[in-house]
Amino acid sequence: MTEEYLYIDKRTIQALEAMRLHFNGLVEAFEQLPDMNTMRRVPIEDALTVIGMTMEGIMNELSDYDWEEVRRDEE
């Protein structure tokens, strides 16, 4: 099985940054909601956790990326 890597270019980085900002806004808005019953709160918290963990994995992949190669590709 081959490992898939995210293709990184300037547009991809901009899209990921926009996703991160919108995700942070979603979390902040969720935290401002009035108290909800457990049946509503827990699924939302779980979904936010999954999205956050997925984004963290992508950001970790970016930190390991060969940025010199990206710069050469953009020239």
PDB file of N, CA and C in Angstrom:
ATOM      1  N   MET A   1       0.845  -1.183   0.000  1.00  0.00           N
ATOM      2  CA  MET A   1       0.000   0.000   0.000  1.00  0.00           C
ATOM      3  C   MET A   1       0.890   1.247   0.000  1.00  0.00           C
ATOM      4  N   THR A   2       0.653   2.139  -0.928  1.00  0.00           N
ATOM      5  CA  THR A   2       1.450   3.363  -0.999  1.00  0.00           C
ATOM      6  C   THR A   2       0.844   4.429  -0.110  1.00  0.00           C
ATOM      7  N   GLU A   3       1.711   5.246   0.440  1.00  0.00           N
ATOM      8  CA  GLU A   3       1.267   6.321   1.310  1.00  0.00           C
ATOM      9  C   GLU A   3       0.940   7.547   0.469  1.00  0.00           C
ATOM     10  N   GLU A   4      -0.203   8.164   0.756  1.00  0.00           N
ATOM     11  CA  GLU A   4      -0.610   9.361   0.017  1.00  0.00           C
ATOM     12  C   GLU A   4      -0.097  10.597   0.729  1.00  0.00           C
ATOM     13  N   TYR A   5       0.375  11.540  -0.050  1.00  0.00           N
ATOM     14  CA  TYR A   5       0.819  12.807   0.500  1.00  0.00           C
ATOM     15  C   TYR A   5      -0.012  13.937  -0.088  1.00  0.00           C
ATOM     16  N   LEU A   6      -0.197  14.954   0.694  1.00  0.00           N
ATOM     17  CA  LEU A   6      -0.930  16.129   0.260  1.00  0.00           C
ATOM     18  C   LEU A   6      -0.034  16.952  -0.656  1.00  0.00           C
ATOM     19  N   TYR A   7      -0.532  17.290  -1.853  1.00  0.00           N
ATOM     20  CA  TYR A   7       0.238  18.148  -2.752  1.00  0.00           C
ATOM     21  C   TYR A   7       0.187  19.566  -2.199  1.00  0.00           C
ATOM     22  N   ILE A   8       1.341  20.142  -1.974  1.00  0.00           N
ATOM     23  CA  ILE A   8       1.419  21.456  -1.347  1.00  0.00           C
ATOM     24  C   ILE A   8       1.874  22.492  -2.369  1.00  0.00           C
ATOM     25  N   ASP A   9       1.046  23.484  -2.559  1.00  0.00           N
ATOM     26  CA  ASP A   9       1.426  24.659  -3.318  1.00  0.00           C
ATOM     27  C   ASP A   9       0.835  25.860  -2.587  1.00  0.00           C
ATOM     28  N   LYS A  10       1.046  27.026  -3.105  1.00  0.00           N
ATOM     29  CA  LYS A  10       0.581  28.243  -2.426  1.00  0.00           C
ATOM     30  C   LYS A  10      -0.937  28.223  -2.221  1.00  0.00           C
ATOM     31  N   ARG A  11      -1.669  27.768  -3.220  1.00  0.00           N
ATOM     32  CA  ARG A  11      -3.132  27.724  -3.116  1.00  0.00           C
ATOM     33  C   ARG A  11      -3.593  26.748  -2.034  1.00  0.00           C
ATOM     34  N   THR A  12      -2.908  25.610  -1.924  1.00  0.00           N
ATOM     35  CA  THR A  12      -3.252  24.630  -0.891  1.00  0.00           C
ATOM     36  C   THR A  12      -3.018  25.222   0.494  1.00  0.00           C
ATOM     37  N   ILE A  13      -1.903  25.909   0.670  1.00  0.00           N
ATOM     38  CA  ILE A  13      -1.593  26.512   1.960  1.00  0.00           C
ATOM     39  C   ILE A  13      -2.640  27.565   2.318  1.00  0.00           C
ATOM     40  N   GLN A  14      -3.047  28.377   1.354  1.00  0.00           N
ATOM     41  CA  GLN A  14      -4.073  29.392   1.604  1.00  0.00           C
ATOM     42  C   GLN A  14      -5.400  28.748   1.982  1.00  0.00           C
ATOM     43  N   ALA A  15      -5.754  27.662   1.311  1.00  0.00           N
ATOM     44  CA  ALA A  15      -7.012  26.972   1.614  1.00  0.00           C
ATOM     45  C   ALA A  15      -6.979  26.375   3.014  1.00  0.00           C
ATOM     46  N   LEU A  16      -5.856  25.770   3.383  1.00  0.00           N
ATOM     47  CA  LEU A  16      -5.734  25.193   4.723  1.00  0.00           C
ATOM     48  C   LEU A  16      -5.790  26.272   5.797  1.00  0.00           C
ATOM     49  N   GLU A  17      -5.178  27.404   5.546  1.00  0.00           N
ATOM     50  CA  GLU A  17      -5.226  28.509   6.504  1.00  0.00           C
ATOM     51  C   GLU A  17      -6.659  29.014   6.663  1.00  0.00           C
ATOM     52  N   ALA A  18      -7.389  29.122   5.563  1.00  0.00           N
ATOM     53  CA  ALA A  18      -8.792  29.546   5.636  1.00  0.00           C
ATOM     54  C   ALA A  18      -9.619  28.527   6.427  1.00  0.00           C
ATOM     55  N   MET A  19      -9.364  27.239   6.195  1.00  0.00           N
ATOM     56  CA  MET A  19     -10.073  26.198   6.946  1.00  0.00           C
ATOM     57  C   MET A  19      -9.781  26.310   8.434  1.00  0.00           C
ATOM     58  N   ARG A  20      -8.516  26.548   8.780  1.00  0.00           N
ATOM     59  CA  ARG A  20      -8.137  26.663  10.186  1.00  0.00           C
ATOM     60  C   ARG A  20      -8.853  27.838  10.848  1.00  0.00           C
ATOM     61  N   LEU A  21      -8.889  28.969  10.150  1.00  0.00           N
ATOM     62  CA  LEU A  21      -9.558  30.147  10.710  1.00  0.00           C
ATOM     63  C   LEU A  21     -11.052  29.905  10.896  1.00  0.00           C
ATOM     64  N   HIS A  22     -11.693  29.290   9.905  1.00  0.00           N
ATOM     65  CA  HIS A  22     -13.130  29.012  10.004  1.00  0.00           C
ATOM     66  C   HIS A  22     -13.416  27.985  11.097  1.00  0.00           C
ATOM     67  N   PHE A  23     -12.533  26.988  11.228  1.00  0.00           N
ATOM     68  CA  PHE A  23     -12.716  25.993  12.285  1.00  0.00           C
ATOM     69  C   PHE A  23     -12.614  26.655  13.652  1.00  0.00           C
ATOM     70  N   ASN A  24     -11.618  27.511  13.832  1.00  0.00           N
ATOM     71  CA  ASN A  24     -11.479  28.217  15.110  1.00  0.00           C
ATOM     72  C   ASN A  24     -12.720  29.052  15.403  1.00  0.00           C
ATOM     73  N   GLY A  25     -13.271  29.703  14.378  1.00  0.00           N
ATOM     74  CA  GLY A  25     -14.497  30.481  14.553  1.00  0.00           C
ATOM     75  C   GLY A  25     -15.675  29.604  14.929  1.00  0.00           C
ATOM     76  N   LEU A  26     -15.754  28.421  14.342  1.00  0.00           N
ATOM     77  CA  LEU A  26     -16.823  27.476  14.663  1.00  0.00           C
ATOM     78  C   LEU A  26     -16.740  27.047  16.125  1.00  0.00           C
ATOM     79  N   VAL A  27     -15.538  26.741  16.582  1.00  0.00           N
ATOM     80  CA  VAL A  27     -15.352  26.340  17.980  1.00  0.00           C
ATOM     81  C   VAL A  27     -15.735  27.486  18.920  1.00  0.00           C
ATOM     82  N   GLU A  28     -15.300  28.695  18.597  1.00  0.00           N
ATOM     83  CA  GLU A  28     -15.639  29.857  19.434  1.00  0.00           C
ATOM     84  C   GLU A  28     -17.148  30.081  19.484  1.00  0.00           C
ATOM     85  N   ALA A  29     -17.817  29.940  18.347  1.00  0.00           N
ATOM     86  CA  ALA A  29     -19.273  30.109  18.315  1.00  0.00           C
ATOM     87  C   ALA A  29     -19.959  29.015  19.127  1.00  0.00           C
ATOM     88  N   PHE A  30     -19.481  27.788  19.005  1.00  0.00           N
ATOM     89  CA  PHE A  30     -20.051  26.680  19.778  1.00  0.00           C
ATOM     90  C   PHE A  30     -19.929  26.940  21.277  1.00  0.00           C
ATOM     91  N   GLU A  31     -18.772  27.459  21.693  1.00  0.00           N
ATOM     92  CA  GLU A  31     -18.551  27.727  23.112  1.00  0.00           C
ATOM     93  C   GLU A  31     -19.451  28.836  23.648  1.00  0.00           C
ATOM     94  N   GLN A  32     -19.976  29.677  22.764  1.00  0.00           N
ATOM     95  CA  GLN A  32     -20.842  30.773  23.184  1.00  0.00           C
ATOM     96  C   GLN A  32     -22.314  30.376  23.228  1.00  0.00           C
ATOM     97  N   LEU A  33     -22.636  29.184  22.747  1.00  0.00           N
ATOM     98  CA  LEU A  33     -24.023  28.728  22.784  1.00  0.00           C
ATOM     99  C   LEU A  33     -24.475  28.520  24.224  1.00  0.00           C
ATOM    100  N   PRO A  34     -25.778  28.698  24.469  1.00  0.00           N
ATOM    101  CA  PRO A  34     -26.278  28.401  25.819  1.00  0.00           C
ATOM    102  C   PRO A  34     -26.159  26.898  26.090  1.00  0.00           C
ATOM    103  N   ASP A  35     -26.301  26.526  27.339  1.00  0.00           N
ATOM    104  CA  ASP A  35     -26.215  25.109  27.702  1.00  0.00           C
ATOM    105  C   ASP A  35     -27.208  24.286  26.884  1.00  0.00           C
ATOM    106  N   MET A  36     -26.719  23.143  26.417  1.00  0.00           N
ATOM    107  CA  MET A  36     -27.566  22.219  25.656  1.00  0.00           C
ATOM    108  C   MET A  36     -27.614  20.904  26.413  1.00  0.00           C
ATOM    109  N   ASN A  37     -28.648  20.118  26.092  1.00  0.00           N
ATOM    110  CA  ASN A  37     -28.685  18.809  26.721  1.00  0.00           C
ATOM    111  C   ASN A  37     -27.592  17.932  26.120  1.00  0.00           C
ATOM    112  N   THR A  38     -27.246  16.885  26.819  1.00  0.00           N
ATOM    113  CA  THR A  38     -26.137  16.012  26.434  1.00  0.00           C
ATOM    114  C   THR A  38     -26.344  15.401  25.058  1.00  0.00           C
ATOM    115  N   MET A  39     -27.565  15.068  24.714  1.00  0.00           N
ATOM    116  CA  MET A  39     -27.859  14.438  23.424  1.00  0.00           C
ATOM    117  C   MET A  39     -27.510  15.357  22.250  1.00  0.00           C
ATOM    118  N   ARG A  40     -27.514  16.644  22.456  1.00  0.00           N
ATOM    119  CA  ARG A  40     -27.130  17.590  21.398  1.00  0.00           C
ATOM    120  C   ARG A  40     -25.674  18.011  21.497  1.00  0.00           C
ATOM    121  N   ARG A  41     -25.197  18.229  22.709  1.00  0.00           N
ATOM    122  CA  ARG A  41     -23.845  18.737  22.908  1.00  0.00           C
ATOM    123  C   ARG A  41     -22.776  17.719  22.521  1.00  0.00           C
ATOM    124  N   VAL A  42     -22.914  16.481  22.959  1.00  0.00           N
ATOM    125  CA  VAL A  42     -21.876  15.472  22.761  1.00  0.00           C
ATOM    126  C   VAL A  42     -21.592  15.187  21.278  1.00  0.00           C
ATOM    127  N   PRO A  43     -22.606  14.992  20.423  1.00  0.00           N
ATOM    128  CA  PRO A  43     -22.281  14.761  19.008  1.00  0.00           C
ATOM    129  C   PRO A  43     -21.551  15.936  18.351  1.00  0.00           C
ATOM    130  N   ILE A  44     -21.897  17.155  18.735  1.00  0.00           N
ATOM    131  CA  ILE A  44     -21.205  18.324  18.182  1.00  0.00           C
ATOM    132  C   ILE A  44     -19.764  18.360  18.669  1.00  0.00           C
ATOM    133  N   GLU A  45     -19.567  18.108  19.960  1.00  0.00           N
ATOM    134  CA  GLU A  45     -18.204  18.075  20.497  1.00  0.00           C
ATOM    135  C   GLU A  45     -17.369  16.989  19.818  1.00  0.00           C
ATOM    136  N   ASP A  46     -17.972  15.817  19.612  1.00  0.00           N
ATOM    137  CA  ASP A  46     -17.263  14.719  18.945  1.00  0.00           C
ATOM    138  C   ASP A  46     -16.890  15.087  17.514  1.00  0.00           C
ATOM    139  N   ALA A  47     -17.805  15.721  16.799  1.00  0.00           N
ATOM    140  CA  ALA A  47     -17.524  16.128  15.415  1.00  0.00           C
ATOM    141  C   ALA A  47     -16.394  17.158  15.376  1.00  0.00           C
ATOM    142  N   LEU A  48     -16.425  18.120  16.283  1.00  0.00           N
ATOM    143  CA  LEU A  48     -15.364  19.124  16.341  1.00  0.00           C
ATOM    144  C   LEU A  48     -14.018  18.479  16.672  1.00  0.00           C
ATOM    145  N   THR A  49     -14.035  17.481  17.535  1.00  0.00           N
ATOM    146  CA  THR A  49     -12.801  16.772  17.888  1.00  0.00           C
ATOM    147  C   THR A  49     -12.223  16.053  16.675  1.00  0.00           C
ATOM    148  N   VAL A  50     -13.071  15.367  15.918  1.00  0.00           N
ATOM    149  CA  VAL A  50     -12.600  14.645  14.735  1.00  0.00           C
ATOM    150  C   VAL A  50     -12.020  15.620  13.713  1.00  0.00           C
ATOM    151  N   ILE A  51     -12.713  16.708  13.461  1.00  0.00           N
ATOM    152  CA  ILE A  51     -12.218  17.699  12.503  1.00  0.00           C
ATOM    153  C   ILE A  51     -10.894  18.292  12.998  1.00  0.00           C
ATOM    154  N   GLY A  52     -10.829  18.628  14.281  1.00  0.00           N
ATOM    155  CA  GLY A  52      -9.610  19.191  14.836  1.00  0.00           C
ATOM    156  C   GLY A  52      -8.430  18.233  14.742  1.00  0.00           C
ATOM    157  N   MET A  53      -8.659  16.965  15.035  1.00  0.00           N
ATOM    158  CA  MET A  53      -7.582  15.980  14.966  1.00  0.00           C
ATOM    159  C   MET A  53      -7.118  15.771  13.522  1.00  0.00           C
ATOM    160  N   THR A  54      -8.053  15.780  12.597  1.00  0.00           N
ATOM    161  CA  THR A  54      -7.700  15.626  11.188  1.00  0.00           C
ATOM    162  C   THR A  54      -6.864  16.810  10.716  1.00  0.00           C
ATOM    163  N   MET A  55      -7.289  18.013  11.071  1.00  0.00           N
ATOM    164  CA  MET A  55      -6.528  19.205  10.692  1.00  0.00           C
ATOM    165  C   MET A  55      -5.147  19.198  11.341  1.00  0.00           C
ATOM    166  N   GLU A  56      -5.051  18.742  12.582  1.00  0.00           N
ATOM    167  CA  GLU A  56      -3.752  18.665  13.250  1.00  0.00           C
ATOM    168  C   GLU A  56      -2.823  17.707  12.509  1.00  0.00           C
ATOM    169  N   GLY A  57      -3.367  16.582  12.043  1.00  0.00           N
ATOM    170  CA  GLY A  57      -2.565  15.641  11.273  1.00  0.00           C
ATOM    171  C   GLY A  57      -2.050  16.259   9.987  1.00  0.00           C
ATOM    172  N   ILE A  58      -2.906  17.022   9.316  1.00  0.00           N
ATOM    173  CA  ILE A  58      -2.487  17.686   8.078  1.00  0.00           C
ATOM    174  C   ILE A  58      -1.414  18.723   8.377  1.00  0.00           C
ATOM    175  N   MET A  59      -1.608  19.490   9.445  1.00  0.00           N
ATOM    176  CA  MET A  59      -0.622  20.511   9.796  1.00  0.00           C
ATOM    177  C   MET A  59       0.711  19.866  10.187  1.00  0.00           C
ATOM    178  N   ASN A  60       0.672  18.720  10.854  1.00  0.00           N
ATOM    179  CA  ASN A  60       1.916  18.006  11.176  1.00  0.00           C
ATOM    180  C   ASN A  60       2.603  17.527   9.909  1.00  0.00           C
ATOM    181  N   GLU A  61       1.814  17.069   8.941  1.00  0.00           N
ATOM    182  CA  GLU A  61       2.382  16.653   7.659  1.00  0.00           C
ATOM    183  C   GLU A  61       3.051  17.846   6.984  1.00  0.00           C
ATOM    184  N   LEU A  62       2.433  19.012   7.078  1.00  0.00           N
ATOM    185  CA  LEU A  62       3.013  20.217   6.486  1.00  0.00           C
ATOM    186  C   LEU A  62       4.334  20.577   7.146  1.00  0.00           C
ATOM    187  N   SER A  63       4.425  20.388   8.454  1.00  0.00           N
ATOM    188  CA  SER A  63       5.663  20.764   9.145  1.00  0.00           C
ATOM    189  C   SER A  63       6.822  19.868   8.727  1.00  0.00           C
ATOM    190  N   ASP A  64       6.527  18.662   8.250  1.00  0.00           N
ATOM    191  CA  ASP A  64       7.563  17.738   7.792  1.00  0.00           C
ATOM    192  C   ASP A  64       7.857  17.880   6.303  1.00  0.00           C
ATOM    193  N   TYR A  65       7.159  18.774   5.636  1.00  0.00           N
ATOM    194  CA  TYR A  65       7.238  18.880   4.187  1.00  0.00           C
ATOM    195  C   TYR A  65       8.540  19.546   3.744  1.00  0.00           C
ATOM    196  N   ASP A  66       8.988  19.226   2.550  1.00  0.00           N
ATOM    197  CA  ASP A  66      10.209  19.808   1.976  1.00  0.00           C
ATOM    198  C   ASP A  66       9.856  21.163   1.352  1.00  0.00           C
ATOM    199  N   TRP A  67       9.992  22.239   2.131  1.00  0.00           N
ATOM    200  CA  TRP A  67       9.581  23.562   1.672  1.00  0.00           C
ATOM    201  C   TRP A  67      10.471  24.093   0.556  1.00  0.00           C
ATOM    202  N   GLU A  68      11.703  23.648   0.482  1.00  0.00           N
ATOM    203  CA  GLU A  68      12.574  24.061  -0.622  1.00  0.00           C
ATOM    204  C   GLU A  68      12.006  23.546  -1.955  1.00  0.00           C
ATOM    205  N   GLU A  69      11.464  22.350  -1.928  1.00  0.00           N
ATOM    206  CA  GLU A  69      10.855  21.797  -3.142  1.00  0.00           C
ATOM    207  C   GLU A  69       9.624  22.621  -3.554  1.00  0.00           C
ATOM    208  N   VAL A  70       8.841  23.064  -2.578  1.00  0.00           N
ATOM    209  CA  VAL A  70       7.657  23.892  -2.858  1.00  0.00           C
ATOM    210  C   VAL A  70       8.092  25.190  -3.507  1.00  0.00           C
ATOM    211  N   ARG A  71       9.128  25.823  -2.968  1.00  0.00           N
ATOM    212  CA  ARG A  71       9.616  27.090  -3.524  1.00  0.00           C
ATOM    213  C   ARG A  71      10.096  26.911  -4.958  1.00  0.00           C
ATOM    214  N   ARG A  72      10.777  25.806  -5.235  1.00  0.00           N
ATOM    215  CA  ARG A  72      11.243  25.546  -6.601  1.00  0.00           C
ATOM    216  C   ARG A  72      10.062  25.356  -7.549  1.00  0.00           C
ATOM    217  N   ASP A  73       9.003  24.671  -7.077  1.00  0.00           N
ATOM    218  CA  ASP A  73       7.825  24.422  -7.905  1.00  0.00           C
ATOM    219  C   ASP A  73       7.086  25.710  -8.241  1.00  0.00           C
ATOM    220  N   GLU A  74       7.138  26.696  -7.332  1.00  0.00           N
ATOM    221  CA  GLU A  74       6.411  27.940  -7.543  1.00  0.00           C
ATOM    222  C   GLU A  74       7.136  28.893  -8.475  1.00  0.00           C
ATOM    223  N   GLU A  75       8.409  28.664  -8.707  1.00  0.00           N
ATOM    224  CA  GLU A  75       9.181  29.580  -9.561  1.00  0.00           C
ATOM    225  C   GLU A  75       8.925  29.327 -11.028  1.00  0.00           C
TER     226      GLU A  75
END
